[in-house]
């Protein structure tokens, strides 16, 4: 039973991560325009905590270089 419960919790976290990542990517493209594949790939590689932080930070982004700077600071 614990194994099934742990698996379900893992699946829920994974789903939440994917949903958050997809939402942030849509918001970034709305604010900054179409993102190139390498840039999208970098965003997709972020942890859930980083995605959530990016979701807040992007509210202050005015240009694509703001996103580049944010990502570089988290390498």
Protein backbone atom coordinates (compact mmCIF):
# COMPACT_ATOMS: atom_id res chain seq x y z
CA UNK A 1 0.00 0.00 0.00
CA UNK A 2 2.81 2.41 0.84
CA UNK A 3 4.42 1.71 -2.52
CA UNK A 4 1.21 2.63 -4.36
CA UNK A 5 0.72 5.74 -2.25
CA UNK A 6 4.31 6.83 -2.87
CA UNK A 7 3.93 6.24 -6.60
CA UNK A 8 0.71 8.28 -6.73
CA UNK A 9 2.33 11.14 -4.84
CA UNK A 10 5.27 11.07 -7.25
CA UNK A 11 2.93 11.16 -10.24
CA UNK A 12 1.04 14.12 -8.75
CA UNK A 13 4.29 16.05 -8.19
CA UNK A 14 5.43 15.26 -11.72
CA UNK A 15 2.08 16.45 -13.12
CA UNK A 16 2.23 19.62 -11.07
CA UNK A 17 5.76 20.29 -12.34
CA UNK A 18 4.68 19.84 -15.97
CA UNK A 19 1.63 22.08 -15.54
CA UNK A 20 3.66 24.82 -13.84
CA UNK A 21 6.37 24.62 -16.50
CA UNK A 22 3.84 24.82 -19.35
CA UNK A 23 2.09 27.79 -17.74
CA UNK A 24 5.35 29.69 -17.21
CA UNK A 25 6.44 29.02 -20.80
CA UNK A 26 3.12 30.40 -22.08
CA UNK A 27 3.46 33.46 -19.85
CA UNK A 28 7.03 34.04 -21.01
CA UNK A 29 6.00 33.87 -24.66
CA UNK A 30 3.11 36.22 -24.00
CA UNK A 31 5.43 38.76 -22.38
CA UNK A 32 8.59 38.31 -24.49
CA UNK A 33 7.44 36.81 -27.78
CA UNK A 34 8.29 33.45 -29.29
CA UNK A 35 11.12 31.65 -27.50
CA UNK A 36 13.72 29.63 -29.36
CA UNK A 37 13.95 25.89 -28.69
CA UNK A 38 17.24 26.08 -26.76
CA UNK A 39 15.74 28.66 -24.42
CA UNK A 40 12.58 26.57 -23.93
CA UNK A 41 14.78 23.56 -23.23
CA UNK A 42 16.60 25.47 -20.50
CA UNK A 43 13.31 26.43 -18.87
CA UNK A 44 12.05 22.83 -19.08
CA UNK A 45 15.14 21.66 -17.19
CA UNK A 46 14.37 23.81 -14.15
CA UNK A 47 13.15 22.24 -10.93
CA UNK A 48 9.64 22.91 -9.68
CA UNK A 49 10.98 25.39 -7.11
CA UNK A 50 12.89 27.24 -9.85
CA UNK A 51 9.84 27.23 -12.16
CA UNK A 52 7.75 28.78 -9.40
CA UNK A 53 10.42 31.44 -8.79
CA UNK A 54 10.58 32.16 -12.52
CA UNK A 55 6.80 32.53 -12.58
CA UNK A 56 7.11 35.37 -10.10
CA UNK A 57 10.23 36.93 -11.61
CA UNK A 58 8.82 37.08 -15.14
CA UNK A 59 6.32 39.69 -13.99
CA UNK A 60 9.23 42.13 -13.90
CA UNK A 61 10.77 41.09 -17.25
CA UNK A 62 10.70 43.71 -19.98
CA UNK A 63 12.98 42.04 -22.54
CA UNK A 64 14.34 38.64 -23.42
CA UNK A 65 17.70 39.57 -21.90
CA UNK A 66 15.95 39.66 -18.50
CA UNK A 67 15.14 35.97 -18.90
CA UNK A 68 18.69 35.20 -20.06
CA UNK A 69 20.11 36.98 -17.02
CA UNK A 70 17.72 35.19 -14.67
CA UNK A 71 18.67 31.80 -16.09
CA UNK A 72 22.41 32.54 -15.98
CA UNK A 73 22.19 33.50 -12.32
CA UNK A 74 20.74 30.07 -11.54
CA UNK A 75 23.32 27.89 -13.30
